[in-house]
Protein backbone atom coordinates (compact mmCIF):
# COMPACT_ATOMS: atom_id res chain seq x y z
CA MET A 1 -0.05 -0.05 0.09
CA THR A 2 1.30 3.85 -0.63
CA LEU A 3 0.45 4.68 2.94
CA THR A 4 2.21 1.98 4.17
CA MET A 5 5.89 3.41 3.15
CA MET A 6 4.79 7.13 4.74
CA ASN A 7 4.32 5.54 7.70
CA ASN A 8 6.99 3.26 8.07
CA LEU A 9 9.46 6.93 7.29
CA LYS A 10 7.89 8.56 9.98
CA ASN A 11 8.65 5.39 12.42
CA LEU A 12 12.13 4.97 11.02
CA CYS A 13 12.50 9.14 11.65
CA SER A 14 11.47 8.32 14.99
CA THR A 15 12.63 5.14 16.01
CA HIS A 16 16.24 4.78 14.05
CA ALA A 17 18.57 4.55 16.97
CA SER A 18 16.42 1.04 17.75
CA PHE A 19 18.26 -0.28 14.75
CA PRO A 20 18.46 -3.50 14.12
CA ALA A 21 15.41 -3.86 13.96
CA HIS A 22 14.68 -4.05 10.47
CA ARG A 23 12.43 -7.14 10.36
CA ARG A 24 9.68 -4.56 11.23
CA LEU A 25 10.36 -3.40 7.51
CA PHE A 26 9.85 -6.85 6.11
CA ALA A 27 6.70 -7.33 7.98
CA LEU A 28 5.17 -4.70 5.87
CA SER A 29 5.73 -6.98 2.87
CA PHE A 30 3.31 -9.64 4.20
CA PRO A 31 -0.24 -9.62 5.05
CA ALA A 32 -0.49 -9.66 8.83
CA SER A 33 -2.42 -13.37 8.45
CA SER A 34 -0.13 -14.17 5.97
CA SER A 35 1.36 -18.20 6.62
CA LEU A 36 4.03 -17.50 4.36
CA THR A 37 7.36 -18.66 5.31
CA GLY A 38 10.59 -19.28 4.07
CA ALA A 39 10.51 -23.20 5.17
CA THR A 40 7.73 -23.01 2.69
CA ILE A 41 8.05 -20.68 -0.24
CA SER A 42 12.09 -21.15 -0.54
CA ARG A 43 14.85 -23.83 -0.31
CA MET A 44 16.10 -23.64 2.95
CA PRO A 45 19.81 -24.97 2.72
CA SER A 46 21.52 -26.79 5.46
CA CYS A 47 25.36 -26.71 5.36
CA LEU A 48 26.99 -30.00 6.05
CA PHE A 49 30.33 -30.04 6.29
CA SER A 50 32.69 -33.19 5.24
CA ASN A 51 36.57 -32.56 3.97
CA GLY A 52 36.41 -29.26 3.46
CA ALA A 53 33.34 -29.14 1.18
CA VAL A 54 29.68 -27.55 2.23
CA GLY A 55 27.16 -29.66 0.87
CA LEU A 56 23.43 -28.34 0.25
CA GLN A 57 20.34 -29.91 0.96
CA GLN A 58 17.11 -28.92 -0.73
CA LYS A 59 14.75 -30.43 2.16
CA THR A 60 11.78 -27.86 1.67
CA TYR A 61 11.64 -26.55 -1.61
CA HIS A 62 8.50 -26.71 -2.86
CA PRO A 63 7.92 -26.69 -6.90
CA ARG A 64 7.58 -23.35 -8.62
CA PHE A 65 4.29 -22.07 -6.73
CA VAL A 66 1.10 -19.35 -7.66
CA THR A 67 -0.65 -18.40 -4.83
CA HIS A 68 -1.95 -14.64 -4.01
CA HIS A 69 0.75 -14.18 -1.76
CA VAL A 70 3.30 -15.24 -4.46
CA ARG A 71 2.66 -13.30 -7.77
CA CYS A 72 3.59 -15.02 -10.55
CA MET A 73 2.12 -13.13 -13.49
CA SER A 74 3.05 -15.30 -16.52
CA ASP A 75 -0.62 -14.40 -18.05
CA HIS A 76 0.51 -10.89 -18.31
CA SER A 77 2.65 -9.53 -21.22
CA GLY A 78 2.99 -6.55 -23.42
CA SER A 79 3.22 -3.25 -22.38
CA SER A 80 0.00 -2.04 -20.46
CA ALA A 81 -1.46 -3.29 -17.33
CA ASN A 82 -5.10 -4.96 -17.15
CA GLY A 83 -7.23 -3.59 -15.05
CA ASP A 84 -7.89 0.02 -13.78
CA GLY A 85 -4.02 1.02 -13.85
CA LYS A 86 -2.16 0.90 -17.41
CA PHE A 87 1.56 1.17 -17.99
CA GLN A 88 2.29 2.88 -21.10
CA TYR A 89 6.00 2.54 -22.33
CA PRO A 90 6.90 4.34 -25.61
CA GLU A 91 9.50 2.51 -27.52
CA GLU A 92 11.71 5.42 -27.52
CA GLN A 93 11.96 5.54 -23.59
CA ARG A 94 12.10 1.68 -23.59
CA LYS A 95 15.42 1.65 -25.63
CA SER A 96 16.63 4.21 -23.50
CA ASP A 97 16.09 2.95 -20.52
CA HIS A 98 17.62 -0.40 -21.71
CA GLU A 99 20.75 1.45 -22.78
CA HIS A 100 20.87 2.77 -19.41
CA CYS A 101 21.08 -0.76 -17.84
CA VAL A 102 23.59 -1.60 -20.15
CA GLU A 103 26.06 0.98 -19.66
CA MET A 104 25.20 0.66 -15.59
CA VAL A 105 26.19 -3.11 -15.90
CA ARG A 106 28.90 -2.60 -18.65
CA THR A 107 30.76 -0.15 -15.89
CA ARG A 108 29.77 -1.67 -12.90
CA ASP A 109 29.32 -5.38 -13.57
CA MET A 110 31.59 -6.24 -16.20
CA GLU A 111 31.47 -10.19 -15.78
CA GLY A 112 27.59 -9.90 -15.57
CA TYR A 113 27.79 -7.63 -18.59
CA LEU A 114 29.85 -10.22 -20.32
CA CYS A 115 27.38 -13.08 -19.75
CA GLY A 116 24.31 -10.83 -20.74
CA LEU A 117 26.04 -10.35 -24.28
CA LEU A 118 25.52 -14.06 -24.98
CA MET A 119 21.72 -14.45 -23.90
CA PRO A 120 18.89 -15.35 -26.03
CA VAL A 121 17.60 -11.59 -27.53
CA SER A 122 14.04 -12.39 -26.25
CA ALA A 123 15.66 -12.33 -23.05
CA ARG A 124 18.57 -9.90 -23.18
CA GLU A 125 16.63 -6.78 -22.52
CA ALA A 126 15.04 -8.11 -19.19
CA TYR A 127 18.09 -9.69 -18.07
CA PHE A 128 20.18 -6.11 -18.08
CA ALA A 129 16.91 -4.87 -16.06
CA LEU A 130 17.48 -7.49 -13.69
CA ARG A 131 21.37 -6.96 -13.67
CA ALA A 132 21.18 -3.39 -13.21
CA PHE A 133 18.37 -3.46 -10.53
CA ASN A 134 21.09 -5.86 -8.43
CA VAL A 135 23.60 -3.27 -8.95
CA GLU A 136 21.49 -0.60 -7.92
CA ILE A 137 20.52 -2.45 -4.03
CA ALA A 138 23.92 -3.98 -3.97
CA SER A 139 25.55 -0.73 -4.31
CA ILE A 140 23.13 0.83 -1.29
CA LYS A 141 25.71 -0.23 1.47
CA ASP A 142 28.84 0.61 -0.11
CA ALA A 143 27.79 4.10 -0.76
CA SER A 144 26.56 4.40 2.86
CA ARG A 145 29.79 3.18 4.19
CA LEU A 146 31.40 5.72 2.24
CA MET A 147 28.51 8.73 3.10
CA GLY A 148 29.17 7.73 6.49
CA GLY A 149 33.21 7.78 6.20
CA ARG A 150 33.65 4.24 7.56
CA SER A 151 36.67 2.55 7.53
CA ARG A 152 39.51 1.26 10.13
CA GLY A 153 38.87 2.43 13.56
CA THR A 154 35.62 4.30 12.86
CA SER A 155 33.34 1.44 12.61
CA SER A 156 30.96 -1.02 15.20
CA SER A 157 31.10 -4.26 13.98
CA THR A 158 28.32 -6.24 14.49
CA THR A 159 28.12 -10.07 12.88
CA ALA A 160 24.76 -11.52 11.19
CA SER A 161 23.11 -12.47 14.94
CA GLY A 162 23.92 -9.33 16.02
CA ILE A 163 26.84 -9.99 18.37
CA LEU A 164 29.92 -7.29 18.39
CA PHE A 165 33.27 -8.43 16.79
CA HIS A 166 35.25 -5.11 18.16
CA ASP A 167 33.86 -3.11 21.09
CA GLU A 168 34.22 0.47 19.69
CA GLU A 169 31.90 2.96 20.13
CA ARG A 170 29.45 3.52 16.96
CA ASN A 171 30.27 6.56 14.23
CA GLU A 172 27.22 8.33 14.46
CA ALA A 173 27.58 9.73 11.03
CA GLY A 174 27.63 5.33 9.90
CA THR A 175 24.41 5.38 12.37
CA ASP A 176 22.44 8.09 9.80
CA SER A 177 23.79 6.52 6.30
CA SER A 178 22.38 3.05 7.68
CA LEU A 179 19.10 4.68 8.20
CA GLY A 180 19.65 6.18 4.69
CA SER A 181 20.46 2.95 3.27
CA ARG A 182 17.11 1.41 4.80
CA LEU A 183 15.19 3.86 3.26
CA ARG A 184 16.34 3.53 -0.19
CA MET A 185 15.93 -0.29 0.33
CA GLN A 186 12.35 0.56 1.53
CA TRP A 187 11.85 2.80 -1.70
CA TRP A 188 12.83 -0.27 -3.77
CA ARG A 189 10.60 -2.79 -1.92
CA ASP A 190 7.64 -0.63 -1.96
CA ALA A 191 8.05 -0.10 -5.53
CA ILE A 192 9.05 -3.54 -6.71
CA THR A 193 5.60 -4.31 -4.28
CA GLY A 194 3.54 -1.81 -6.35
CA ILE A 195 4.22 -3.44 -9.71
CA TYR A 196 2.90 -6.28 -8.63
CA ASP A 197 -0.34 -5.04 -7.00
CA SER A 198 -1.08 -3.04 -9.93
CA MET A 199 -0.98 -6.44 -11.73
CA ASP A 200 -3.36 -7.79 -9.71
CA SER A 201 -7.06 -6.38 -10.74
CA SER A 202 -7.92 -6.69 -7.17
CA HIS A 203 -5.49 -4.48 -5.60
CA SER A 204 -5.41 -2.03 -8.74
CA GLY A 205 -8.27 0.14 -8.30
CA LEU A 206 -7.86 0.66 -4.51
CA ARG A 207 -4.04 1.48 -5.38
CA GLN A 208 -4.75 3.87 -7.51
CA GLN A 209 -7.43 5.48 -5.43
CA GLN A 210 -4.89 5.54 -2.20
CA SER A 211 -2.15 6.87 -4.69
CA SER A 212 -4.70 9.76 -6.01
CA SER A 213 -5.91 10.92 -2.92
CA SER A 214 -3.10 11.04 -0.61
CA PRO A 215 -2.95 14.51 0.79
CA ASP A 216 0.90 14.43 1.70
CA PRO A 217 3.35 15.83 -0.37
CA LEU A 218 5.82 13.51 0.64
CA LEU A 219 4.22 10.23 0.10
CA ASN A 220 3.21 11.97 -3.46
CA SER A 221 6.83 13.04 -4.12
CA LEU A 222 7.82 9.11 -3.18
CA VAL A 223 5.38 7.59 -5.39
CA ALA A 224 6.05 9.84 -8.60
CA SER A 225 10.04 9.63 -8.49
CA ARG A 226 9.09 5.81 -9.05
CA LYS A 227 8.33 7.20 -12.93
CA HIS A 228 11.95 8.82 -13.04
CA ASN A 229 13.84 5.74 -12.41
CA PRO A 230 14.96 4.28 -15.75
CA THR A 231 16.05 0.96 -13.93
CA LEU A 232 12.58 0.42 -12.29
CA ARG A 233 10.50 0.97 -15.44
CA SER A 234 12.69 -1.53 -17.68
CA LEU A 235 12.43 -4.22 -14.59
CA GLU A 236 8.88 -3.33 -14.89
CA GLN A 237 8.46 -4.43 -17.99
CA ALA A 238 10.72 -7.18 -17.63
CA ILE A 239 8.08 -8.46 -14.62
CA ARG A 240 4.88 -7.89 -16.99
CA THR A 241 6.39 -9.74 -20.10
CA HIS A 242 8.19 -12.48 -18.64
CA GLY A 243 6.24 -12.91 -15.29
CA LEU A 244 9.45 -12.98 -13.28
CA THR A 245 8.24 -14.00 -9.56
CA HIS A 246 8.31 -11.88 -6.87
CA THR A 247 9.52 -14.18 -4.24
CA PHE A 248 12.72 -14.23 -5.82
CA LEU A 249 12.98 -10.49 -5.93
CA ARG A 250 11.37 -10.14 -2.33
CA ARG A 251 14.35 -12.61 -1.03
CA LEU A 252 17.10 -11.04 -2.74
CA MET A 253 15.95 -7.48 -1.30
CA GLU A 254 15.34 -8.76 2.15
CA ALA A 255 19.08 -10.31 1.87
CA ARG A 256 20.61 -7.27 0.83
CA GLU A 257 18.94 -5.47 3.76
CA VAL A 258 20.31 -8.04 6.58
CA ASP A 259 23.51 -7.53 4.91
CA LEU A 260 23.92 -3.94 5.94
CA ASP A 261 24.73 -4.19 9.61
CA VAL A 262 26.60 -7.60 8.83
CA VAL A 263 30.32 -6.85 9.55
CA GLN A 264 31.11 -10.73 9.68
CA TYR A 265 29.69 -13.49 9.34
CA GLU A 266 29.31 -15.70 12.15
CA ARG A 267 29.75 -19.01 10.39
CA VAL A 268 30.47 -20.35 6.49
CA ARG A 269 27.01 -21.56 6.31
CA ASP A 270 25.96 -17.88 6.82
CA VAL A 271 27.86 -16.99 3.83
CA ALA A 272 26.62 -19.64 1.85
CA GLN A 273 23.07 -18.77 2.85
CA TYR A 274 23.77 -15.06 1.47
CA GLY A 275 24.65 -16.28 -1.46
CA GLU A 276 21.85 -18.14 -2.37
CA ASP A 277 19.71 -15.52 -1.42
CA THR A 278 21.28 -13.34 -3.55
CA VAL A 279 23.46 -14.71 -6.39
CA SER A 280 20.55 -17.78 -6.72
CA ASN A 281 17.18 -16.05 -6.99
CA VAL A 282 19.13 -13.53 -9.36
CA LEU A 283 20.06 -17.30 -11.37
CA TYR A 284 16.41 -17.83 -10.72
CA LEU A 285 14.97 -14.87 -12.41
CA SER A 286 17.27 -15.26 -15.31
CA LEU A 287 16.43 -18.72 -15.90
CA GLU A 288 12.76 -17.59 -16.12
CA CYS A 289 13.62 -14.04 -18.77
CA ALA A 290 14.98 -17.40 -20.91
CA GLY A 291 11.73 -19.09 -20.20
CA VAL A 292 13.05 -22.05 -18.04
CA ARG A 293 10.61 -22.64 -15.21
CA ASP A 294 11.31 -25.97 -13.48
CA GLU A 295 12.95 -27.13 -10.38
CA ALA A 296 15.81 -29.17 -11.78
CA SER A 297 16.96 -26.22 -13.53
CA ASP A 298 16.82 -24.19 -10.24
CA THR A 299 19.07 -26.94 -7.92
CA VAL A 300 21.52 -26.28 -10.87
CA ALA A 301 21.11 -22.40 -10.40
CA SER A 302 21.50 -23.11 -6.61
CA ASP A 303 24.56 -24.88 -6.42
CA ILE A 304 26.15 -22.09 -8.66
CA GLY A 305 24.92 -19.22 -6.65
CA VAL A 306 26.06 -20.44 -3.40
CA GLY A 307 29.31 -21.30 -5.22
CA LEU A 308 29.61 -17.76 -6.63
CA GLY A 309 28.55 -16.16 -2.95
CA LEU A 310 31.47 -18.07 -1.53
CA ILE A 311 33.93 -16.19 -4.20
CA THR A 312 32.43 -13.10 -3.78
CA ALA A 313 33.26 -13.31 0.02
CA LEU A 314 36.93 -14.04 -1.12
CA ARG A 315 37.01 -11.53 -3.88
CA SER A 316 36.23 -8.83 -1.44
CA THR A 317 38.06 -9.44 1.33
CA ALA A 318 40.70 -6.68 0.21
CA PHE A 319 37.78 -3.78 -0.45
CA ARG A 320 35.94 -4.83 3.21
CA ALA A 321 39.34 -4.45 5.13
CA THR A 322 39.76 -1.35 3.63
CA GLN A 323 35.96 -0.54 4.81
CA GLY A 324 36.72 -2.15 8.84
CA GLU A 325 34.96 -5.47 8.18
CA CYS A 326 36.03 -9.26 7.66
CA SER A 327 34.65 -11.05 5.04
CA ILE A 328 36.28 -14.64 6.38
CA PRO A 329 33.49 -15.88 8.35
CA MET A 330 33.83 -15.80 12.15
CA ASP A 331 33.94 -19.76 12.68
CA ILE A 332 37.04 -20.50 9.90
CA ALA A 333 38.98 -16.71 11.03
CA THR A 334 38.88 -18.43 14.67
CA GLU A 335 39.97 -21.55 13.62
CA HIS A 336 42.96 -20.35 11.61
CA SER A 337 43.50 -17.25 14.10
CA ILE A 338 42.46 -14.51 11.95
CA THR A 339 42.01 -11.09 13.60
CA MET A 340 41.69 -7.78 11.88
CA ASP A 341 44.85 -6.81 12.88
CA LYS A 342 46.30 -9.73 10.97
CA LEU A 343 44.26 -8.63 7.71
CA TYR A 344 45.57 -5.30 7.67
CA THR A 345 49.17 -6.57 8.22
CA ALA A 346 48.44 -9.05 5.32
CA LEU A 347 46.95 -6.73 3.11
CA ASN A 348 49.87 -4.12 3.95
CA ALA A 349 52.48 -6.53 3.16
CA SER A 350 51.21 -7.93 -0.48
CA LEU A 351 50.65 -4.33 -1.69
CA ASN A 352 53.92 -3.57 -0.55
CA GLY A 353 55.67 -6.37 -1.99
CA ASP A 354 56.52 -8.39 1.41
CA SER A 355 59.43 -5.74 1.22
CA ASP A 356 61.46 -5.78 4.84
CA THR A 357 61.74 -2.14 4.46
CA ASN A 358 57.89 -1.31 3.71
CA THR A 359 56.70 -3.10 6.88
CA THR A 360 55.48 -0.73 9.06
CA LYS A 361 56.86 0.03 12.75
CA ASN A 362 53.91 -2.10 14.32
CA ASN A 363 54.54 -5.35 11.61
CA ASN A 364 57.56 -7.22 11.79
CA PRO A 365 58.29 -9.58 8.39
CA GLN A 366 57.51 -12.67 10.66
CA ASP A 367 54.00 -11.03 11.66
CA ALA A 368 53.58 -10.62 7.88
CA LYS A 369 54.36 -13.62 7.01
CA GLU A 370 52.33 -15.51 9.57
CA ALA A 371 49.54 -13.33 8.77
CA LYS A 372 49.71 -14.15 4.91
CA GLU A 373 49.83 -18.16 5.84
CA ALA A 374 46.49 -17.78 7.79
CA LEU A 375 44.47 -16.04 5.77
CA ARG A 376 45.86 -18.42 3.24
CA ASN A 377 44.63 -21.43 4.38
CA ALA A 378 41.39 -19.73 5.52
CA THR A 379 40.95 -18.71 1.89
CA SER A 380 41.72 -22.53 0.48
CA GLU A 381 39.22 -23.86 2.96
CA MET A 382 36.67 -21.40 1.23
CA ALA A 383 37.77 -21.94 -1.79
CA LYS A 384 37.24 -25.91 -1.56
CA MET A 385 33.72 -25.52 -0.57
CA ALA A 386 32.87 -23.19 -3.55
CA SER A 387 34.30 -25.44 -6.11
CA PHE A 388 32.53 -28.49 -4.49
CA HIS A 389 29.29 -26.59 -5.67
CA LEU A 390 30.55 -24.95 -8.64
CA HIS A 391 31.59 -28.92 -9.78
CA ARG A 392 28.29 -30.52 -8.58
CA ALA A 393 26.81 -27.50 -10.80
CA ARG A 394 28.70 -28.62 -13.56
CA GLU A 395 28.10 -32.31 -13.35
CA ASN A 396 24.20 -31.82 -13.27
CA GLN A 397 24.08 -29.40 -15.59
CA GLY A 398 22.72 -31.63 -18.33
CA VAL A 399 19.04 -31.19 -16.97
CA VAL A 400 18.80 -27.67 -17.47
CA PRO A 401 16.96 -27.06 -21.05
CA LYS A 402 18.94 -25.64 -23.98
CA GLU A 403 17.52 -22.21 -24.01
CA GLY A 404 18.20 -21.53 -20.24
CA ARG A 405 22.11 -22.90 -20.99
CA PRO A 406 23.10 -19.16 -21.16
CA CYS A 407 21.85 -18.32 -17.72
CA LEU A 408 24.55 -20.45 -16.49
CA LEU A 409 27.56 -18.53 -17.72
CA PRO A 410 28.51 -16.93 -14.53
CA ALA A 411 29.77 -20.19 -13.28
CA VAL A 412 31.91 -19.65 -15.96
CA CYS A 413 33.75 -16.44 -14.53
CA ALA A 414 33.79 -18.23 -11.14
CA LEU A 415 35.32 -21.16 -12.19
CA HIS A 416 37.78 -18.64 -13.96
CA TYR A 417 38.63 -16.77 -10.89
CA LEU A 418 38.86 -19.53 -8.69
CA SER A 419 41.74 -21.36 -11.22
CA ILE A 420 43.51 -17.97 -10.83
CA LEU A 421 43.37 -17.97 -6.84
CA GLN A 422 44.12 -21.50 -6.48
CA GLU A 423 47.00 -22.15 -9.57
CA GLU A 424 48.18 -18.50 -10.00
CA CYS A 425 48.02 -16.84 -6.77
CA GLU A 426 48.33 -19.87 -4.54
CA ASN A 427 45.25 -18.98 -2.67
CA ASP A 428 46.35 -15.12 -2.19
CA VAL A 429 43.38 -12.91 -2.02
CA PHE A 430 45.30 -10.28 -1.51
CA HIS A 431 47.63 -10.72 -4.05
CA PRO A 432 48.42 -7.48 -6.44
CA SER A 433 47.26 -8.84 -9.21
CA LEU A 434 43.58 -9.76 -7.74
CA VAL A 435 43.27 -6.40 -5.82
CA GLY A 436 43.56 -4.08 -8.34
CA GLY A 437 43.28 -0.24 -7.91
CA ILE A 438 43.40 -0.94 -3.89
CA GLY A 439 46.52 0.42 -2.66
CA GLY A 440 47.60 1.69 -6.33
CA GLY A 441 48.93 -1.70 -8.00
CA SER A 442 51.79 -2.06 -10.83
CA GLU A 443 51.63 -0.87 -14.18
CA GLY A 444 53.06 -4.70 -15.10
CA LEU A 445 49.94 -5.94 -14.07
CA SER A 446 47.59 -4.66 -16.94
CA GLY A 447 49.56 -6.99 -19.35
CA VAL A 448 48.10 -10.16 -16.75
CA GLU A 449 44.54 -8.33 -16.60
CA ARG A 450 44.41 -7.76 -20.29
CA ARG A 451 45.42 -11.37 -20.69
CA ARG A 452 42.79 -13.08 -17.87
CA LYS A 453 40.00 -10.91 -19.58
CA LEU A 454 40.89 -12.73 -23.07
CA ASN A 455 41.01 -15.46 -21.40
CA LEU A 456 37.61 -15.19 -19.88
CA MET A 457 35.80 -14.16 -22.79
CA PHE A 458 37.34 -17.08 -24.59
CA TYR A 459 35.53 -19.40 -22.12
CA LEU A 460 32.71 -18.01 -22.43
CA GLY A 461 32.03 -18.26 -25.62
CA ARG A 462 33.35 -21.52 -25.57
CA ALA A 463 30.45 -22.52 -23.17
CA TRP A 464 28.23 -20.21 -25.49
CA LEU A 465 28.87 -21.97 -28.07
CA THR A 466 28.94 -25.81 -26.77
CA GLY A 467 26.11 -25.39 -24.21
CA THR A 468 28.32 -26.97 -20.86
CA PHE A 469 30.99 -24.83 -18.78
């Protein structure tokens, strides 16, 4: 409902000091009497530890569902909505919005861009709209960190369950930026919910009446701002044309919002679950864009998503460390005696070339060597878990219909990075050729980066031609 957002804004402004009470925001997306729960609408993977590998059991995943809570509008297509509300999308504006989404993905998600170029033509526009939306909500956390000036020594580190990792005072600027992040996430949630409500003939008339009769100028401004967002317009077209499942979008936004407060996950299974809730849901929606809707294909996509989620955590280790965060989960970090100080020591040693003359007064060469070795061991453990899921997806990819195979191309990018990390960099996530621009980098690495990019393009092309990765 449009009035819901206004009430929530007032509550946020008066009670933002009580965060994380963000579950209150989530409740707004569900009817009060709803019996819809995670256990009944989605996979609830439980991670099994065996020889350093994480396995997922899809215990309670139900086949594709169509209920009044989860509106999968496969019967709605075209550029206008049924019911009282009309969705008008001029061709010129549609083309402009698509170009905006493509450019956003190209500049901020290069691997997603390369995969999108190989998507079927019928699904390409929706794919880039979906990827641009993912970029938008994924960048909310990073933007809040930059706005709040969060860095080493100024952050209040909170784990996924709310346990403090470092007992430091909270940065007031960080608190305010967290409020802004939640408002941005709520804007996207209400906008997506509004799209599905407008497609439901039983809600569209009431929604139109409330939207037009609201006396609050702030509420009217927020609602009107949806019409001016090119990513949202393009995503709405994708939802209406391909009948994208609301639950997958909702789970994606919920996981991103929970992650706003997370500085370090407690367990590796939490990292795996985050990959399932974010990357896997994007893959499910990509399959829907290609017209593939079956449980077997989703199972393969689930493994790819978990593997990609773990690899993304590893890839972001250097950047997160500069933001005062630790992407190594607490259970693995504890096992290998990794602290934030050791993380900074290993990062500085890698960026400075492990030279004795470059070590700081607080770090000696032996400390740097021990820190890097501990991080290598932790990285190796997480890399083995990611490899387990990606190779299981590779073994089962034959069940995915031919038209859905291009949606699995992100697995090629993950396997390519995994190969470089394990073979060329010896599990050193802070290797200068992997951390890129952090700390400057060497000009001599540009040739290595170009070679790796060309190799990735070759592997993607080969997977596209053969239909297997």
